[in-house]
């Protein structure tokens, strides 16, 4: 993106607001069928819905979201006095009678804000070839949405968007941070992120810096770091590139997904370095993938990355076998024949990549979250959790940190979390159930089997009595030894707190 005049983002914003170019308005314009098709990168239903509509909203939808040409008159009506200026800035391309988009300007909605995100055009619409350049700037994606749902939203002084890309995380961070630093090694991304921040009237809170990983913020500390680093594990990011039978050139590396570091080294380096850039009780939250080595537990390997000065919650959400992993990213880069790639070249790359993963003893690739919080107790939890969770998951991550620090001893006054329900299974009319399950309705939606004592304890925890006295009362009621009951069930209390069933009032 070329250097833009200071007033251009504000003028464009005025036009987008006047056209009501918002997520909800576009969905209403397109209708359910066309909107769903567009989410699958198919534009034909939306083309049919907007073909006869010359209004500003339909024009902007066709121009940016459907990536089709519009007449110069329609473009001028939707973007008054801006078409030539946006063309000079590299946002639009103008011919004598038509205007086309060179960048994507897309409405984006948060819980309380209407925003717009600028990026490169969406590749692969309507099954067209999906080739992208090395410095391609990805727009809003499932990965960026996942990171946004993971990131805590407490009010903070300073935040770091590490590897900002189009700048969407910086927008989220600016909504609850006094200052945001957004870094990237891709100079095109920096220009687009700067424009995106200004377009959303956040330019005064978002400082864009060039550089690799933590280099631009050397010596600085932040209350919150959020990052979705270029974590793809491939021959393009390590030494086997040189030894492959027919190596693609190094300039094929896609900056938005390939770090240039071997294996999952980029994630490891960030996890190891982040504590040195966090303030007391600061958070670093990483969306990442990692190697699961043959004959070695994934959590054992990742535990070696964690330092004692942080509490850490690492959650493995998904496991992908090497073949499926290679297929995913070859399609992403446009090498699959179905997306315009050459069949012979696709098979050569597939074989080279798969051979490399086998040489590296990669049994699978894990996808998930790394959450670090400085100044805690040094507690490290690594969970394999492929189950359904409530989104956004950020409040549950924050609750985990509170639980780690919470007292769970005999004098603790705890209460059952409001969303926990008890399920029982047993014969109709029977006095005692065969099975008791405590189940969370929110957050991680955990469930755990409970015996009679655990269920009674959970039900009696209302924040008034210490858990030791509650256990004594249950022991008396069930004719058990109080000391033995405490010894057996105080560790269970710790588990119930750690898992979020019991919380401090």
Protein backbone atom coordinates (compact mmCIF):
# COMPACT_ATOMS: atom_id res chain seq x y z
CA UNK A 1 0.00 0.00 0.00
CA UNK A 2 1.37 3.40 -1.00
CA UNK A 3 1.86 6.32 1.38
CA UNK A 4 -1.55 7.90 1.96
CA UNK A 5 -2.52 11.49 2.81
CA UNK A 6 -3.43 11.90 6.50
CA UNK A 7 -7.07 12.77 5.76
CA UNK A 8 -7.78 9.84 3.42
CA UNK A 9 -8.73 7.22 6.06
CA UNK A 10 -11.13 9.68 7.71
CA UNK A 11 -12.73 10.57 4.37
CA UNK A 12 -13.12 6.90 3.47
CA UNK A 13 -14.65 6.22 6.88
CA UNK A 14 -17.24 8.94 6.26
CA UNK A 15 -18.23 7.28 2.99
CA UNK A 16 -18.46 3.81 4.56
CA UNK A 17 -20.62 5.15 7.39
CA UNK A 18 -22.86 7.04 4.96
CA UNK A 19 -23.37 3.87 2.90
CA UNK A 20 -24.08 1.85 6.08
CA UNK A 21 -21.42 -0.60 4.95
CA UNK A 22 -21.67 -2.84 8.04
CA UNK A 23 -21.79 -6.58 8.67
CA UNK A 24 -25.49 -6.55 9.51
CA UNK A 25 -26.44 -4.35 6.56
CA UNK A 26 -24.51 -6.53 4.09
CA UNK A 27 -26.16 -9.67 5.46
CA UNK A 28 -29.59 -8.09 5.10
CA UNK A 29 -28.76 -6.96 1.56
CA UNK A 30 -27.57 -10.41 0.48
CA UNK A 31 -30.02 -12.59 2.36
CA UNK A 32 -29.19 -15.86 4.09
CA UNK A 33 -28.46 -18.00 1.05
CA UNK A 34 -26.12 -15.55 -0.69
CA UNK A 35 -24.39 -14.60 2.56
CA UNK A 36 -23.73 -18.27 3.39
CA UNK A 37 -22.41 -18.87 -0.14
CA UNK A 38 -20.05 -15.90 0.19
CA UNK A 39 -18.70 -17.40 3.43
CA UNK A 40 -17.78 -20.41 1.26
CA UNK A 41 -16.01 -18.07 -1.21
CA UNK A 42 -18.81 -18.40 -3.79
CA UNK A 43 -20.07 -15.08 -5.16
CA UNK A 44 -22.73 -16.02 -7.74
CA UNK A 45 -25.78 -15.80 -5.43
CA UNK A 46 -24.58 -12.42 -4.14
CA UNK A 47 -23.92 -11.22 -7.70
CA UNK A 48 -27.53 -12.06 -8.56
CA UNK A 49 -28.86 -10.27 -5.46
CA UNK A 50 -26.94 -7.05 -6.15
CA UNK A 51 -26.85 -6.94 -9.97
CA UNK A 52 -29.65 -4.39 -10.36
CA UNK A 53 -28.92 -2.36 -7.23
CA UNK A 54 -26.87 0.77 -7.87
CA UNK A 55 -27.04 2.02 -4.28
CA UNK A 56 -23.84 2.75 -2.33
CA UNK A 57 -24.16 -0.35 -0.10
CA UNK A 58 -24.57 -2.71 -3.07
CA UNK A 59 -21.73 -0.98 -4.92
CA UNK A 60 -19.29 -1.32 -2.02
CA UNK A 61 -20.35 -4.93 -1.52
CA UNK A 62 -19.71 -5.79 -5.15
CA UNK A 63 -16.49 -3.80 -5.27
CA UNK A 64 -14.77 -5.12 -2.13
CA UNK A 65 -16.51 -8.32 -1.03
CA UNK A 66 -17.41 -9.85 -4.42
CA UNK A 67 -14.27 -8.43 -6.07
CA UNK A 68 -16.08 -7.51 -9.25
CA UNK A 69 -15.87 -4.32 -11.28
CA UNK A 70 -18.44 -1.56 -10.86
CA UNK A 71 -19.15 1.37 -13.12
CA UNK A 72 -17.20 4.53 -12.51
CA UNK A 73 -20.46 6.38 -11.85
CA UNK A 74 -21.57 3.92 -9.18
CA UNK A 75 -18.13 4.05 -7.55
CA UNK A 76 -18.19 7.86 -7.49
CA UNK A 77 -21.65 7.82 -5.93
CA UNK A 78 -20.55 5.41 -3.19
CA UNK A 79 -17.15 7.04 -2.66
CA UNK A 80 -17.68 10.72 -3.49
CA UNK A 81 -14.46 12.52 -4.48
CA UNK A 82 -12.45 9.51 -3.32
CA UNK A 83 -12.08 7.17 -6.30
CA UNK A 84 -9.01 8.85 -7.81
CA UNK A 85 -7.41 9.34 -4.38
CA UNK A 86 -7.96 5.71 -3.42
CA UNK A 87 -6.56 4.63 -6.78
CA UNK A 88 -3.45 6.72 -6.15
CA UNK A 89 -3.10 5.03 -2.74
CA UNK A 90 -3.34 1.56 -4.29
CA UNK A 91 -6.76 0.70 -2.82
CA UNK A 92 -8.62 0.89 -6.15
CA UNK A 93 -7.83 0.44 -9.83
CA UNK A 94 -9.62 2.78 -12.26
CA UNK A 95 -10.05 2.53 -16.01
CA UNK A 96 -12.11 4.82 -18.22
CA UNK A 97 -15.52 3.45 -17.28
CA UNK A 98 -14.92 0.90 -14.53
CA UNK A 99 -13.44 0.63 -11.06
CA UNK A 100 -12.04 -2.50 -9.37
CA UNK A 101 -10.64 -3.12 -5.92
CA UNK A 102 -6.94 -3.75 -5.43
CA UNK A 103 -7.33 -4.14 -1.67
CA UNK A 104 -10.16 -5.51 0.44
CA UNK A 105 -12.02 -3.10 2.71
CA UNK A 106 -14.28 -5.31 4.79
CA UNK A 107 -16.82 -4.52 7.52
CA UNK A 108 -16.04 -6.21 10.82
CA UNK A 109 -18.13 -6.31 13.98
CA UNK A 110 -17.20 -6.75 17.63
CA UNK A 111 -19.65 -6.92 20.51
CA UNK A 112 -19.91 -3.13 20.75
CA UNK A 113 -18.27 -1.67 17.65
CA UNK A 114 -18.56 -1.46 13.88
CA UNK A 115 -15.11 -1.61 12.31
CA UNK A 116 -13.50 -2.01 8.88
CA UNK A 117 -10.41 -4.09 8.09
CA UNK A 118 -8.14 -3.54 5.09
CA UNK A 119 -6.16 -6.43 3.59
CA UNK A 120 -5.21 -8.01 0.30
CA UNK A 121 -8.05 -9.39 -1.77
CA UNK A 122 -9.45 -12.77 -0.79
CA UNK A 123 -7.78 -15.45 -2.94
CA UNK A 124 -9.66 -18.33 -4.51
CA UNK A 125 -13.12 -16.80 -4.92
CA UNK A 126 -15.38 -18.96 -7.11
CA UNK A 127 -12.69 -21.64 -7.40
CA UNK A 128 -10.23 -19.38 -9.25
CA UNK A 129 -6.49 -20.03 -8.85
CA UNK A 130 -5.37 -19.25 -5.31
CA UNK A 131 -1.79 -18.11 -5.85
CA UNK A 132 -0.68 -15.37 -3.45
CA UNK A 133 2.48 -13.30 -3.27
CA UNK A 134 5.21 -13.75 -0.68
CA UNK A 135 4.18 -10.52 1.08
CA UNK A 136 0.43 -11.26 0.94
CA UNK A 137 -1.47 -9.59 3.78
CA UNK A 138 -4.17 -11.94 5.01
CA UNK A 139 -7.51 -10.53 6.05
CA UNK A 140 -9.79 -11.66 8.85
CA UNK A 141 -9.50 -15.46 9.04
CA UNK A 142 -10.63 -18.27 11.34
CA UNK A 143 -7.22 -18.07 13.01
CA UNK A 144 -7.49 -14.36 13.71
CA UNK A 145 -11.02 -14.83 15.02
CA UNK A 146 -9.80 -17.61 17.32
CA UNK A 147 -7.06 -15.38 18.72
CA UNK A 148 -9.55 -12.56 19.28
CA UNK A 149 -11.78 -14.95 21.24
CA UNK A 150 -8.80 -16.19 23.27
CA UNK A 151 -7.39 -12.78 24.25
CA UNK A 152 -8.37 -11.35 27.61
CA UNK A 153 -10.23 -8.01 27.45
CA UNK A 154 -9.40 -6.48 30.81
CA UNK A 155 -8.48 -2.78 30.73
CA UNK A 156 -4.69 -2.47 30.45
CA UNK A 157 -2.12 0.22 29.92
CA UNK A 158 0.00 -1.30 27.15
CA UNK A 159 -0.48 -4.12 24.65
CA UNK A 160 1.66 -5.70 21.93
CA UNK A 161 0.25 -7.15 18.72
CA UNK A 162 3.19 -9.32 17.66
CA UNK A 163 3.00 -9.95 13.91
CA UNK A 164 0.06 -7.66 13.27
CA UNK A 165 -0.67 -8.52 9.63
CA UNK A 166 -3.71 -6.51 8.58
CA UNK A 167 -4.03 -5.10 12.10
CA UNK A 168 -7.28 -6.72 13.25
CA UNK A 169 -5.84 -7.75 16.64
CA UNK A 170 -4.57 -4.21 17.16
CA UNK A 171 -8.16 -2.97 16.75
CA UNK A 172 -9.35 -5.32 19.46
CA UNK A 173 -6.46 -4.39 21.74
CA UNK A 174 -6.99 -0.66 21.21
CA UNK A 175 -10.53 -0.98 22.56
CA UNK A 176 -9.19 -1.73 26.06
CA UNK A 177 -5.56 -0.53 26.02
CA UNK A 178 -4.15 2.95 26.48
CA UNK A 179 -1.39 2.16 23.99
CA UNK A 180 -0.87 -0.61 21.42
CA UNK A 181 2.37 -1.44 19.62
CA UNK A 182 1.86 -3.47 16.43
CA UNK A 183 4.91 -5.09 14.84
CA UNK A 184 5.56 -7.01 11.64
CA UNK A 185 8.44 -7.91 9.34
CA UNK A 186 6.21 -7.41 6.27
CA UNK A 187 6.38 -3.75 5.22
CA UNK A 188 3.16 -4.05 3.19
CA UNK A 189 1.38 -5.34 6.28
CA UNK A 190 2.64 -2.39 8.32
CA UNK A 191 1.23 0.10 5.83
CA UNK A 192 -2.12 -1.68 5.72
CA UNK A 193 -2.28 -2.02 9.52
CA UNK A 194 -1.54 1.68 9.90
CA UNK A 195 -4.30 2.55 7.43
CA UNK A 196 -6.73 0.15 9.18
CA UNK A 197 -6.06 1.79 12.55
CA UNK A 198 -6.60 5.27 11.14
CA UNK A 199 -9.74 4.16 9.31
CA UNK A 200 -11.19 3.11 12.67
CA UNK A 201 -10.08 6.31 14.45
CA UNK A 202 -7.49 4.42 16.49
CA UNK A 203 -4.34 5.79 14.87
CA UNK A 204 -3.42 7.73 18.02
CA UNK A 205 -3.44 4.55 20.12
CA UNK A 206 -1.76 2.13 17.68
CA UNK A 207 1.95 2.54 16.98
CA UNK A 208 3.20 0.47 14.05
CA UNK A 209 6.84 -0.70 14.09
CA UNK A 210 8.90 -2.70 11.63
CA UNK A 211 10.99 -5.64 12.74
CA UNK A 212 11.13 -9.34 13.49
CA UNK A 213 9.33 -10.66 16.56
CA UNK A 214 10.53 -8.89 19.75
CA UNK A 215 13.32 -6.87 18.09
CA UNK A 216 11.22 -3.68 17.70
CA UNK A 217 10.30 -3.71 21.42
CA UNK A 218 13.65 -4.63 22.94
CA UNK A 219 13.75 -3.65 26.60
CA UNK A 220 10.00 -2.89 26.76
CA UNK A 221 7.32 -4.64 28.81
CA UNK A 222 3.61 -4.95 28.18
CA UNK A 223 0.50 -5.81 30.15
CA UNK A 224 -0.76 -7.97 27.30
CA UNK A 225 0.84 -9.65 24.28
CA UNK A 226 -1.34 -11.31 21.63
CA UNK A 227 0.11 -13.16 18.67
CA UNK A 228 -0.76 -15.58 15.90
CA UNK A 229 2.79 -16.13 14.61
CA UNK A 230 3.72 -17.63 11.23
CA UNK A 231 3.82 -21.14 12.62
CA UNK A 232 3.52 -23.46 9.61
CA UNK A 233 5.97 -26.37 9.91
CA UNK A 234 7.34 -27.17 6.47
CA UNK A 235 10.55 -27.71 4.48
CA UNK A 236 10.30 -24.04 3.58
CA UNK A 237 11.16 -23.13 7.18
CA UNK A 238 14.16 -25.35 7.87
CA UNK A 239 17.39 -26.95 6.72
CA UNK A 240 15.79 -29.88 4.82
CA UNK A 241 14.91 -27.32 2.15
CA UNK A 242 18.47 -27.49 0.89
CA UNK A 243 18.53 -31.28 0.87
CA UNK A 244 15.18 -31.83 -0.85
CA UNK A 245 15.44 -33.57 -4.20
CA UNK A 246 14.23 -30.50 -6.06
CA UNK A 247 14.05 -27.59 -3.65
CA UNK A 248 11.74 -24.65 -4.33
CA UNK A 249 13.54 -21.31 -4.05
CA UNK A 250 13.59 -19.64 -0.65
CA UNK A 251 11.73 -16.54 -1.88
CA UNK A 252 8.58 -18.66 -2.11
CA UNK A 253 8.19 -18.34 1.67
CA UNK A 254 4.83 -16.78 2.52
CA UNK A 255 5.54 -14.25 5.26
CA UNK A 256 2.08 -14.47 6.82
CA UNK A 257 2.50 -18.19 7.60
CA UNK A 258 6.20 -19.19 7.23
CA UNK A 259 8.68 -17.90 9.82
CA UNK A 260 11.94 -19.02 8.23
CA UNK A 261 12.80 -20.91 11.42
CA UNK A 262 13.05 -24.71 11.56
CA UNK A 263 10.12 -26.81 12.79
CA UNK A 264 8.05 -25.15 15.51
CA UNK A 265 10.99 -23.06 16.66
CA UNK A 266 9.08 -19.80 16.15
CA UNK A 267 6.49 -20.75 18.76
CA UNK A 268 9.13 -22.02 21.18
CA UNK A 269 11.16 -18.82 20.83
CA UNK A 270 8.11 -16.64 21.50
CA UNK A 271 7.07 -18.69 24.54
CA UNK A 272 10.59 -18.55 25.99
CA UNK A 273 11.11 -14.83 25.28
CA UNK A 274 7.66 -13.48 26.20
CA UNK A 275 8.12 -13.47 30.02
CA UNK A 276 10.93 -10.95 29.59
CA UNK A 277 8.47 -8.56 27.93
CA UNK A 278 5.60 -8.84 30.43
CA UNK A 279 4.78 -6.54 33.30
CA UNK A 280 3.87 -8.01 36.69
CA UNK A 281 0.71 -10.12 36.15
CA UNK A 282 0.90 -9.44 32.41
CA UNK A 283 -0.46 -11.95 29.88
CA UNK A 284 0.95 -13.43 26.68
CA UNK A 285 -1.56 -15.36 24.58
CA UNK A 286 -0.44 -17.32 21.54
CA UNK A 287 -2.41 -19.17 18.88
CA UNK A 288 -0.02 -21.78 17.53
CA UNK A 289 0.78 -25.26 16.39
CA UNK A 290 3.57 -27.55 17.50
CA UNK A 291 5.29 -30.80 16.64
CA UNK A 292 4.14 -33.95 18.39
CA UNK A 293 7.17 -36.23 18.21
CA UNK A 294 6.99 -39.98 17.80
CA UNK A 295 7.15 -41.84 21.13
CA UNK A 296 7.13 -38.65 23.22
CA UNK A 297 4.11 -37.07 24.97
CA UNK A 298 3.30 -33.65 23.52
CA UNK A 299 2.93 -32.06 26.95
CA UNK A 300 6.33 -33.30 28.10
CA UNK A 301 7.98 -31.56 25.16
CA UNK A 302 6.11 -28.26 25.52
CA UNK A 303 6.62 -28.20 29.29
CA UNK A 304 10.31 -27.74 28.54
CA UNK A 305 9.53 -24.38 26.93
CA UNK A 306 7.88 -22.95 30.05
CA UNK A 307 9.75 -20.93 32.65
CA UNK A 308 9.04 -20.84 36.40
CA UNK A 309 8.32 -17.10 36.50
CA UNK A 310 4.97 -17.60 34.74
CA UNK A 311 1.78 -19.51 35.29
CA UNK A 312 0.99 -21.31 32.05
CA UNK A 313 -2.11 -22.89 30.57
CA UNK A 314 -1.38 -24.74 27.32
CA UNK A 315 -4.42 -26.25 25.62
CA UNK A 316 -4.12 -28.68 22.72
CA UNK A 317 -7.36 -28.29 20.76
CA UNK A 318 -6.70 -30.51 17.75
CA UNK A 319 -4.30 -33.12 16.42
CA UNK A 320 -3.65 -33.42 12.66
CA UNK A 321 -1.75 -36.25 11.03
CA UNK A 322 1.20 -35.31 8.78
CA UNK A 323 -0.59 -36.07 5.49
CA UNK A 324 -3.63 -33.98 6.37
CA UNK A 325 -1.34 -31.17 7.55
CA UNK A 326 0.57 -31.10 4.26
CA UNK A 327 -2.66 -31.13 2.25
CA UNK A 328 -4.08 -28.23 4.27
CA UNK A 329 -1.16 -25.89 3.64
CA UNK A 330 -0.54 -26.88 0.01
CA UNK A 331 -4.15 -25.93 -0.69
CA UNK A 332 -3.67 -22.71 1.25
CA UNK A 333 -0.73 -21.71 -0.96
CA UNK A 334 -2.59 -22.60 -4.18
CA UNK A 335 -0.53 -25.64 -5.13
CA UNK A 336 -3.41 -28.11 -5.18
CA UNK A 337 -4.56 -28.85 -8.75
CA UNK A 338 -8.12 -27.97 -7.74
CA UNK A 339 -6.96 -24.42 -6.97
CA UNK A 340 -4.87 -23.96 -10.11
CA UNK A 341 -1.68 -25.77 -9.20
CA UNK A 342 0.27 -28.10 -11.46
CA UNK A 343 -0.49 -31.75 -10.61
CA UNK A 344 3.08 -33.01 -10.98
CA UNK A 345 4.46 -30.13 -8.93
CA UNK A 346 1.80 -30.70 -6.26
CA UNK A 347 2.75 -34.37 -5.89
CA UNK A 348 6.47 -33.50 -5.79
CA UNK A 349 5.93 -30.95 -3.02
CA UNK A 350 3.62 -33.29 -1.14
CA UNK A 351 6.21 -36.09 -1.22
CA UNK A 352 9.10 -33.79 -0.24
CA UNK A 353 7.17 -32.26 2.66
CA UNK A 354 5.91 -35.61 3.95
CA UNK A 355 9.39 -37.13 3.73
CA UNK A 356 10.79 -34.22 5.71
CA UNK A 357 8.19 -34.63 8.46
CA UNK A 358 9.04 -38.33 8.68
CA UNK A 359 12.74 -37.52 8.97
CA UNK A 360 11.90 -35.15 11.82
CA UNK A 361 9.98 -37.93 13.62
CA UNK A 362 6.77 -35.93 13.48
CA UNK A 363 3.86 -38.15 14.44
CA UNK A 364 1.26 -35.34 14.34
CA UNK A 365 0.88 -31.60 14.58
CA UNK A 366 -0.97 -30.06 17.50
CA UNK A 367 -3.07 -26.91 17.22
CA UNK A 368 -3.95 -24.91 20.28
CA UNK A 369 -3.37 -22.08 22.72
CA UNK A 370 -0.47 -21.03 24.93
CA UNK A 371 -1.42 -18.68 27.78
CA UNK A 372 1.31 -17.23 30.00
CA UNK A 373 0.77 -15.00 33.03
CA UNK A 374 3.75 -13.46 34.80
CA UNK A 375 4.22 -13.15 38.53
CA UNK A 376 2.18 -16.17 39.51
CA UNK A 377 2.99 -19.34 41.40
CA UNK A 378 4.85 -21.09 38.58
CA UNK A 379 1.92 -23.42 37.95
CA UNK A 380 1.99 -25.10 34.51
CA UNK A 381 -1.14 -26.87 33.26
CA UNK A 382 -1.12 -28.62 29.88
CA UNK A 383 -4.51 -29.92 28.79
CA UNK A 384 -5.55 -32.02 25.85
CA UNK A 385 -9.01 -30.52 25.31
CA UNK A 386 -10.58 -31.20 21.88
CA UNK A 387 -14.09 -30.75 23.26
CA UNK A 388 -16.62 -28.02 22.63
CA UNK A 389 -16.03 -24.78 24.54
CA UNK A 390 -17.91 -21.53 24.94
CA UNK A 391 -16.65 -18.68 22.80
CA UNK A 392 -15.15 -16.29 23.56
CA UNK A 393 -13.03 -18.48 25.79
CA UNK A 394 -11.04 -15.55 27.23
CA UNK A 395 -13.15 -15.23 30.43
CA UNK A 396 -12.56 -18.91 31.20
CA UNK A 397 -8.80 -18.43 30.75
CA UNK A 398 -8.91 -15.51 33.20
CA UNK A 399 -10.94 -17.63 35.65
CA UNK A 400 -8.27 -20.34 35.43
CA UNK A 401 -5.62 -17.82 36.55
CA UNK A 402 -7.81 -16.75 39.48
CA UNK A 403 -8.31 -20.38 40.44
CA UNK A 404 -4.57 -21.08 40.39
CA UNK A 405 -4.03 -18.35 42.96
CA UNK A 406 -7.12 -19.15 45.05
CA UNK A 407 -6.95 -20.72 48.51
CA UNK A 408 -8.39 -24.23 48.57
CA UNK A 409 -7.47 -25.12 52.14
CA UNK A 410 -9.83 -25.93 55.02
CA UNK A 411 -10.44 -22.23 55.81
CA UNK A 412 -11.34 -21.32 52.21
CA UNK A 413 -14.86 -20.01 51.75
CA UNK A 414 -15.91 -21.14 48.29
CA UNK A 415 -19.10 -21.27 46.29
CA UNK A 416 -20.35 -23.48 43.50
CA UNK A 417 -20.11 -21.67 40.17
CA UNK A 418 -23.56 -20.56 39.06
CA UNK A 419 -23.58 -22.45 35.77
CA UNK A 420 -22.75 -25.87 37.30
CA UNK A 421 -25.56 -28.40 37.23
CA UNK A 422 -25.78 -31.86 38.76
CA UNK A 423 -26.89 -34.81 36.66
CA UNK A 424 -27.83 -38.15 38.22
CA UNK A 425 -28.45 -41.54 36.65
CA UNK A 426 -30.11 -44.42 38.45
CA UNK A 427 -33.17 -46.65 38.58
CA UNK A 428 -36.51 -44.88 38.79
CA UNK A 429 -37.59 -44.58 42.42
CA UNK A 430 -34.18 -45.64 43.74
CA UNK A 431 -32.81 -43.89 46.82
CA UNK A 432 -29.25 -43.50 45.56
CA UNK A 433 -28.16 -42.68 42.01
CA UNK A 434 -25.68 -44.94 40.26
CA UNK A 435 -23.81 -42.00 38.78
CA UNK A 436 -23.49 -38.33 39.74
CA UNK A 437 -21.99 -35.86 37.23
CA UNK A 438 -21.15 -32.21 37.85
CA UNK A 439 -21.30 -30.33 34.56
CA UNK A 440 -20.34 -26.76 33.64
CA UNK A 441 -22.59 -24.97 31.15
CA UNK A 442 -20.04 -22.26 30.28
CA UNK A 443 -16.33 -21.82 29.65
CA UNK A 444 -14.56 -25.14 29.09
CA UNK A 445 -17.85 -26.96 29.82
CA UNK A 446 -16.08 -29.51 31.95
CA UNK A 447 -17.83 -32.48 33.45
CA UNK A 448 -16.58 -34.75 36.21
CA UNK A 449 -17.92 -37.76 38.05
CA UNK A 450 -18.66 -37.13 41.70
CA UNK A 451 -19.28 -39.43 44.62
CA UNK A 452 -21.76 -38.68 47.39
CA UNK A 453 -19.31 -36.62 49.45
CA UNK A 454 -18.10 -34.54 46.51
CA UNK A 455 -21.65 -33.82 45.36
CA UNK A 456 -22.72 -32.87 48.88
CA UNK A 457 -19.66 -30.63 49.28
CA UNK A 458 -20.30 -28.86 45.99
CA UNK A 459 -23.95 -28.31 46.84
CA UNK A 460 -23.13 -26.92 50.28
CA UNK A 461 -20.47 -24.43 49.11
CA UNK A 462 -22.24 -21.07 49.15
CA UNK A 463 -19.35 -18.83 50.21
CA UNK A 464 -20.44 -18.68 53.85
CA UNK A 465 -18.83 -21.65 55.64
CA UNK A 466 -15.20 -22.80 55.35
CA UNK A 467 -14.83 -26.02 53.37
CA UNK A 468 -13.25 -27.76 56.37
CA UNK A 469 -16.40 -27.26 58.44
CA UNK A 470 -18.56 -28.39 55.51
CA UNK A 471 -16.55 -31.61 55.24
CA UNK A 472 -16.87 -32.17 58.99
CA UNK A 473 -20.65 -31.81 58.75
CA UNK A 474 -20.82 -34.22 55.80
CA UNK A 475 -18.66 -36.74 57.68
CA UNK A 476 -20.99 -36.57 60.67
CA UNK A 477 -24.06 -36.95 58.46
CA UNK A 478 -22.60 -40.00 56.68
CA UNK A 479 -21.07 -41.47 59.84
CA UNK A 480 -17.48 -41.07 58.59
CA UNK A 481 -14.29 -40.13 60.40
CA UNK A 482 -13.89 -36.30 60.09
CA UNK A 483 -10.07 -36.35 59.97
CA UNK A 484 -10.04 -39.04 57.31
CA UNK A 485 -12.73 -37.21 55.32
CA UNK A 486 -10.67 -34.00 55.35
CA UNK A 487 -7.52 -35.87 54.32
CA UNK A 488 -9.35 -37.54 51.44
CA UNK A 489 -11.40 -34.63 50.13
CA UNK A 490 -9.30 -31.48 50.63
CA UNK A 491 -7.25 -32.55 47.56
CA UNK A 492 -10.59 -32.91 45.74
CA UNK A 493 -11.44 -29.33 46.77
CA UNK A 494 -8.18 -28.22 45.11
CA UNK A 495 -9.18 -30.04 41.92
CA UNK A 496 -12.66 -28.49 41.96
CA UNK A 497 -11.12 -25.03 42.26
CA UNK A 498 -8.53 -25.68 39.54
CA UNK A 499 -11.21 -27.00 37.19
CA UNK A 500 -13.54 -24.08 37.87
CA UNK A 501 -16.37 -25.87 39.68
CA UNK A 502 -15.74 -23.98 42.94
CA UNK A 503 -14.77 -20.31 43.00
CA UNK A 504 -14.00 -17.69 45.61
CA UNK A 505 -17.02 -15.46 46.28
